[in-house]
């Protein structure tokens, strides 16, 4: 895994869909929620969700895997990545952990996978949360093209941090150094470069689910988006809210692509309240 065993980014190892998978598993009671991270360079489940996992885990079991090819999970030898393979891996995580049904939270790239999983396996998902989500087609933004086209350097990472966050006070030299070091760990950049080579519009389209399938989704869905997001356009969430019958949309002002970091407390409260409704309907506390 190429990290210190006491690193907070290391959870526990399972075999999911045939691949060694690093997964964080927190909380003991309540209905399980699985959280799928985004696709920034050097990303891990812990880096993505670290500020909200502790709060969500007070009320429910929280499972957050490093998806195939990311973080400390295995990288397939053929270096072939697509929506179908990632969805199969996510289902494999659920199967290995004995999770028949989960609430599913997806961030950006992870939102596209959560959406596709709910379409392909509707019985495996109770409620759906999509944050700054891909999942419908849109003209690729300059910000997303820069994220997927990242070449490792401190300067490039600092520029990406500026694209991700509205609140520039978050963009410390320490954060840029941490994310840069994560992006140059052995094997990280090789797998990342194989995922989204130019021309990159095709990967937006590959991650999009057919609109007719999205319209058929029966799930209660919470859609979250930062108004100043430079990576995924707000219009994508407007479209999802239009297509999904049982959807509600919450737009955070003064917020970029990092809703779960820039507004961690509000994010956790919104998600907890949304999922608690389902707990109450099922007779839970």
Protein backbone atom coordinates (compact mmCIF):
# COMPACT_ATOMS: atom_id res chain seq x y z
CA UNK A 1 0.00 0.00 0.00
CA UNK A 2 3.06 2.25 0.26
CA UNK A 3 1.95 4.12 3.37
CA UNK A 4 2.74 3.97 7.06
CA UNK A 5 0.48 1.50 8.81
CA UNK A 6 -0.57 4.26 11.21
CA UNK A 7 -1.60 6.61 8.37
CA UNK A 8 -5.24 7.70 8.73
CA UNK A 9 -5.66 7.01 5.00
CA UNK A 10 -5.29 3.28 5.65
CA UNK A 11 -8.45 1.51 6.75
CA UNK A 12 -8.64 -2.26 6.37
CA UNK A 13 -8.05 -4.47 3.37
CA UNK A 14 -10.78 -6.56 1.80
CA UNK A 15 -11.11 -8.34 -1.54
CA UNK A 16 -13.87 -6.73 -3.61
CA UNK A 17 -14.72 -7.96 -7.11
CA UNK A 18 -11.39 -9.78 -7.04
CA UNK A 19 -9.25 -6.73 -6.13
CA UNK A 20 -7.46 -5.78 -2.93
CA UNK A 21 -9.39 -2.81 -1.64
CA UNK A 22 -8.64 -0.28 1.10
CA UNK A 23 -11.86 0.55 2.94
CA UNK A 24 -12.75 2.69 5.95
CA UNK A 25 -15.48 1.19 8.11
CA UNK A 26 -16.69 3.36 11.00
CA UNK A 27 -19.67 3.34 13.34
CA UNK A 28 -21.51 0.28 14.58
CA UNK A 29 -25.25 0.96 14.62
CA UNK A 30 -27.81 2.30 12.23
CA UNK A 31 -28.45 1.76 8.56
CA UNK A 32 -25.20 1.61 6.54
CA UNK A 33 -24.10 4.42 4.25
CA UNK A 34 -21.42 3.96 1.55
CA UNK A 35 -19.49 7.01 0.36
CA UNK A 36 -17.75 7.11 -3.03
CA UNK A 37 -15.01 9.71 -3.45
CA UNK A 38 -14.15 11.99 -6.39
CA UNK A 39 -11.38 11.71 -8.98
CA UNK A 40 -8.86 14.40 -8.06
CA UNK A 41 -5.15 13.55 -8.30
CA UNK A 42 -3.89 11.76 -5.21
CA UNK A 43 -7.39 11.38 -3.80
CA UNK A 44 -8.28 8.77 -1.19
CA UNK A 45 -11.55 8.06 0.56
CA UNK A 46 -10.10 9.49 3.77
CA UNK A 47 -8.86 12.69 2.11
CA UNK A 48 -12.28 13.18 0.55
CA UNK A 49 -14.53 12.35 3.52
CA UNK A 50 -12.35 12.82 6.62
CA UNK A 51 -14.25 15.85 7.93
CA UNK A 52 -17.71 14.26 7.71
CA UNK A 53 -17.12 10.56 8.48
CA UNK A 54 -16.87 11.13 12.27
CA UNK A 55 -20.18 13.02 12.38
CA UNK A 56 -22.07 10.58 10.16
CA UNK A 57 -20.64 7.61 12.07
CA UNK A 58 -22.32 8.81 15.28
CA UNK A 59 -25.65 7.68 13.85
CA UNK A 60 -24.89 4.93 11.33
CA UNK A 61 -22.26 2.60 9.90
CA UNK A 62 -20.11 4.47 7.36
CA UNK A 63 -18.20 2.59 4.66
CA UNK A 64 -15.80 4.52 2.41
CA UNK A 65 -13.62 2.56 -0.04
CA UNK A 66 -10.72 3.69 -2.18
CA UNK A 67 -12.15 2.89 -5.59
CA UNK A 68 -10.32 0.66 -8.05
CA UNK A 69 -7.11 2.36 -9.21
CA UNK A 70 -7.31 5.12 -6.58
CA UNK A 71 -5.63 5.55 -3.22
CA UNK A 72 -4.43 2.33 -1.62
CA UNK A 73 -6.65 -0.06 -3.53
CA UNK A 74 -5.30 -2.36 -6.23
CA UNK A 75 -4.64 -1.17 -9.77
CA UNK A 76 -5.67 -3.63 -12.51
CA UNK A 77 -2.77 -4.74 -14.65
CA UNK A 78 -4.59 -3.89 -17.89
CA UNK A 79 -5.09 -0.26 -16.70
CA UNK A 80 -8.59 -0.24 -18.21
CA UNK A 81 -11.09 1.91 -16.34
CA UNK A 82 -14.72 2.70 -17.08
CA UNK A 83 -18.05 3.25 -15.35
CA UNK A 84 -19.05 -0.40 -15.57
CA UNK A 85 -15.86 -1.65 -13.96
CA UNK A 86 -16.03 0.87 -11.13
CA UNK A 87 -19.69 0.05 -10.44
CA UNK A 88 -18.86 -3.66 -10.32
CA UNK A 89 -16.10 -2.85 -7.83
CA UNK A 90 -18.49 -0.81 -5.64
CA UNK A 91 -21.01 -3.66 -5.61
CA UNK A 92 -18.14 -5.99 -4.74
CA UNK A 93 -17.38 -3.87 -1.66
CA UNK A 94 -21.01 -4.19 -0.56
CA UNK A 95 -21.02 -7.94 -1.16
CA UNK A 96 -17.78 -8.55 0.73
CA UNK A 97 -19.04 -6.55 3.72
CA UNK A 98 -22.43 -8.27 3.68
CA UNK A 99 -24.35 -5.06 2.90
CA UNK A 100 -27.57 -6.00 1.12
CA UNK A 101 -28.70 -2.37 0.93
CA UNK A 102 -27.05 0.98 1.65
CA UNK A 103 -27.66 4.67 1.50
CA UNK A 104 -25.26 5.81 -1.21
CA UNK A 105 -23.32 9.10 -1.22
CA UNK A 106 -21.27 10.05 -4.27
CA UNK A 107 -18.97 13.02 -4.83
CA UNK A 108 -18.39 14.23 -8.42
CA UNK A 109 -16.99 11.16 -10.24
CA UNK A 110 -18.33 9.15 -7.30
CA UNK A 111 -21.77 10.64 -7.91
CA UNK A 112 -21.76 9.22 -11.42
CA UNK A 113 -20.92 5.79 -10.02
CA UNK A 114 -23.59 6.07 -7.31
CA UNK A 115 -26.17 7.04 -9.92
CA UNK A 116 -25.20 4.16 -12.21
CA UNK A 117 -25.23 1.68 -9.32
CA UNK A 118 -28.73 2.79 -8.29
CA UNK A 119 -29.92 2.36 -11.88
CA UNK A 120 -28.38 -1.09 -12.33
CA UNK A 121 -29.14 -2.39 -8.82
CA UNK A 122 -32.07 -0.34 -7.50
CA UNK A 123 -32.82 -2.81 -4.71
CA UNK A 124 -29.32 -2.34 -3.27
CA UNK A 125 -29.86 1.40 -2.62
CA UNK A 126 -32.25 2.91 -0.08
CA UNK A 127 -31.55 6.64 -0.55
CA UNK A 128 -29.16 8.52 -2.83
CA UNK A 129 -27.01 11.60 -2.19
CA UNK A 130 -25.22 13.23 -5.14
CA UNK A 131 -22.69 16.00 -4.46
CA UNK A 132 -21.25 18.10 -7.29
CA UNK A 133 -22.09 15.06 -9.35
CA UNK A 134 -21.21 13.88 -12.82
CA UNK A 135 -23.82 11.51 -14.27
CA UNK A 136 -25.32 13.58 -17.07
CA UNK A 137 -23.41 14.78 -20.11
CA UNK A 138 -22.19 18.39 -20.28
CA UNK A 139 -19.41 20.23 -22.12
CA UNK A 140 -16.28 19.57 -20.10
CA UNK A 141 -15.22 22.54 -18.02
CA UNK A 142 -11.74 24.02 -18.05
CA UNK A 143 -11.49 23.07 -14.38
CA UNK A 144 -12.34 19.40 -14.92
CA UNK A 145 -10.00 19.20 -17.90
CA UNK A 146 -7.19 20.51 -15.68
CA UNK A 147 -8.04 18.06 -12.88
CA UNK A 148 -8.01 15.02 -15.16
CA UNK A 149 -4.98 16.31 -17.08
CA UNK A 150 -2.88 16.92 -13.96
CA UNK A 151 0.87 16.45 -14.26
CA UNK A 152 2.66 16.18 -10.90
CA UNK A 153 4.29 19.35 -9.59
CA UNK A 154 3.77 21.58 -6.58
CA UNK A 155 2.81 24.46 -8.88
CA UNK A 156 0.18 22.40 -10.71
CA UNK A 157 -1.27 21.14 -7.43
CA UNK A 158 -1.54 24.67 -6.04
CA UNK A 159 -3.35 25.73 -9.20
CA UNK A 160 -5.77 22.81 -8.86
CA UNK A 161 -6.45 23.64 -5.21
CA UNK A 162 -7.45 27.12 -6.38
CA UNK A 163 -9.90 25.54 -8.84
CA UNK A 164 -11.41 23.23 -6.21
CA UNK A 165 -12.11 25.70 -3.40
CA UNK A 166 -13.98 29.00 -3.21
CA UNK A 167 -12.57 29.69 0.26
CA UNK A 168 -8.93 30.47 -0.48
CA UNK A 169 -8.10 30.37 3.25
CA UNK A 170 -8.23 26.60 2.91
CA UNK A 171 -5.39 26.63 0.40
CA UNK A 172 -2.36 26.38 2.63
CA UNK A 173 1.12 25.40 1.51
CA UNK A 174 0.79 22.35 3.78
CA UNK A 175 -2.37 21.19 1.99
CA UNK A 176 -0.79 21.63 -1.44
CA UNK A 177 2.30 19.71 -0.29
CA UNK A 178 0.19 16.90 1.20
CA UNK A 179 -1.89 16.47 -1.94
CA UNK A 180 1.20 16.72 -4.17
CA UNK A 181 3.00 14.02 -2.18
CA UNK A 182 -0.11 11.83 -2.44
CA UNK A 183 -0.10 12.26 -6.21
CA UNK A 184 3.49 11.05 -6.61
CA UNK A 185 3.33 7.90 -4.50
CA UNK A 186 4.46 4.83 -6.44
CA UNK A 187 1.89 3.83 -9.04
CA UNK A 188 -0.56 6.67 -8.35
CA UNK A 189 0.14 8.89 -11.34
CA UNK A 190 0.45 5.96 -13.75
CA UNK A 191 -3.05 4.72 -12.95
CA UNK A 192 -4.48 8.25 -12.83
CA UNK A 193 -3.08 9.11 -16.28
CA UNK A 194 -4.63 5.91 -17.68
CA UNK A 195 -8.11 6.83 -16.47
CA UNK A 196 -8.87 10.07 -18.32
CA UNK A 197 -6.49 10.61 -21.28
CA UNK A 198 -7.25 13.37 -23.77
CA UNK A 199 -9.60 14.12 -25.42
CA UNK A 200 -11.43 14.14 -22.08
CA UNK A 201 -14.99 14.97 -23.14
CA UNK A 202 -15.44 11.26 -23.85
CA UNK A 203 -14.94 10.45 -20.15
CA UNK A 204 -17.69 12.88 -19.12
CA UNK A 205 -19.92 11.07 -21.60
CA UNK A 206 -18.77 7.62 -20.42
CA UNK A 207 -19.67 8.49 -16.83
CA UNK A 208 -23.12 9.78 -17.85
CA UNK A 209 -26.13 7.50 -17.45
CA UNK A 210 -28.91 7.51 -20.07
CA UNK A 211 -31.52 10.14 -19.22
CA UNK A 212 -34.39 7.68 -19.66
CA UNK A 213 -32.79 5.46 -16.99
CA UNK A 214 -32.31 8.38 -14.62
CA UNK A 215 -35.99 9.32 -15.01
CA UNK A 216 -37.00 5.83 -13.83
CA UNK A 217 -35.13 6.08 -10.53
CA UNK A 218 -37.56 5.54 -7.62
CA UNK A 219 -35.16 6.65 -4.90
CA UNK A 220 -35.46 9.70 -2.68
CA UNK A 221 -32.42 11.72 -3.76
CA UNK A 222 -30.59 14.66 -2.17
CA UNK A 223 -28.53 16.70 -4.62
CA UNK A 224 -25.88 19.10 -3.28
CA UNK A 225 -23.77 21.56 -5.26
CA UNK A 226 -21.52 24.58 -4.68
CA UNK A 227 -22.69 27.66 -6.56
CA UNK A 228 -19.11 28.65 -7.46
CA UNK A 229 -18.05 25.14 -8.57
CA UNK A 230 -15.51 25.46 -11.40
CA UNK A 231 -15.12 21.70 -11.91
CA UNK A 232 -18.67 20.39 -12.37
CA UNK A 233 -21.18 22.98 -13.60
CA UNK A 234 -24.17 23.71 -11.38
CA UNK A 235 -26.34 23.06 -14.44
CA UNK A 236 -25.52 19.35 -14.13
CA UNK A 237 -27.27 19.23 -10.76
CA UNK A 238 -30.19 21.26 -12.10
CA UNK A 239 -30.54 18.62 -14.81
CA UNK A 240 -30.40 15.76 -12.30
CA UNK A 241 -33.02 17.48 -10.15
CA UNK A 242 -35.24 17.81 -13.23
CA UNK A 243 -34.81 14.16 -14.21
CA UNK A 244 -35.14 12.46 -10.81
CA UNK A 245 -38.76 12.55 -9.67
CA UNK A 246 -38.08 12.32 -5.92
CA UNK A 247 -35.17 14.77 -5.84
CA UNK A 248 -34.40 17.82 -3.76
CA UNK A 249 -31.58 20.23 -4.58
CA UNK A 250 -29.54 22.28 -2.11
CA UNK A 251 -27.14 24.89 -3.52
CA UNK A 252 -24.38 26.23 -1.26
CA UNK A 253 -23.41 29.84 -1.93
CA UNK A 254 -19.76 30.89 -1.54
CA UNK A 255 -18.73 27.30 -2.20
CA UNK A 256 -16.68 25.59 -4.88
CA UNK A 257 -16.35 21.88 -5.63
CA UNK A 258 -15.45 20.93 -2.05
CA UNK A 259 -18.86 21.11 -0.38
CA UNK A 260 -17.94 18.39 2.13
CA UNK A 261 -14.82 20.35 3.13
CA UNK A 262 -15.86 24.00 2.75
CA UNK A 263 -19.22 23.40 4.49
CA UNK A 264 -18.50 20.17 6.37
CA UNK A 265 -20.89 20.82 9.27
CA UNK A 266 -23.80 21.81 7.06
CA UNK A 267 -23.12 18.94 4.71
CA UNK A 268 -23.17 16.39 7.54
CA UNK A 269 -26.36 17.84 9.05
CA UNK A 270 -28.18 17.84 5.72
CA UNK A 271 -27.17 14.26 4.93
CA UNK A 272 -27.95 13.03 8.44
CA UNK A 273 -31.40 14.66 8.40
CA UNK A 274 -32.15 13.27 4.94
CA UNK A 275 -31.16 9.73 5.90
CA UNK A 276 -32.87 9.98 9.30
CA UNK A 277 -36.19 10.47 7.50
CA UNK A 278 -35.77 7.00 6.01
CA UNK A 279 -34.79 5.61 9.43
CA UNK A 280 -38.02 6.98 10.92
CA UNK A 281 -40.12 5.66 8.06
CA UNK A 282 -38.63 2.21 8.69
CA UNK A 283 -39.43 2.44 12.40
CA UNK A 284 -35.91 3.31 13.50
CA UNK A 285 -34.91 5.86 16.10
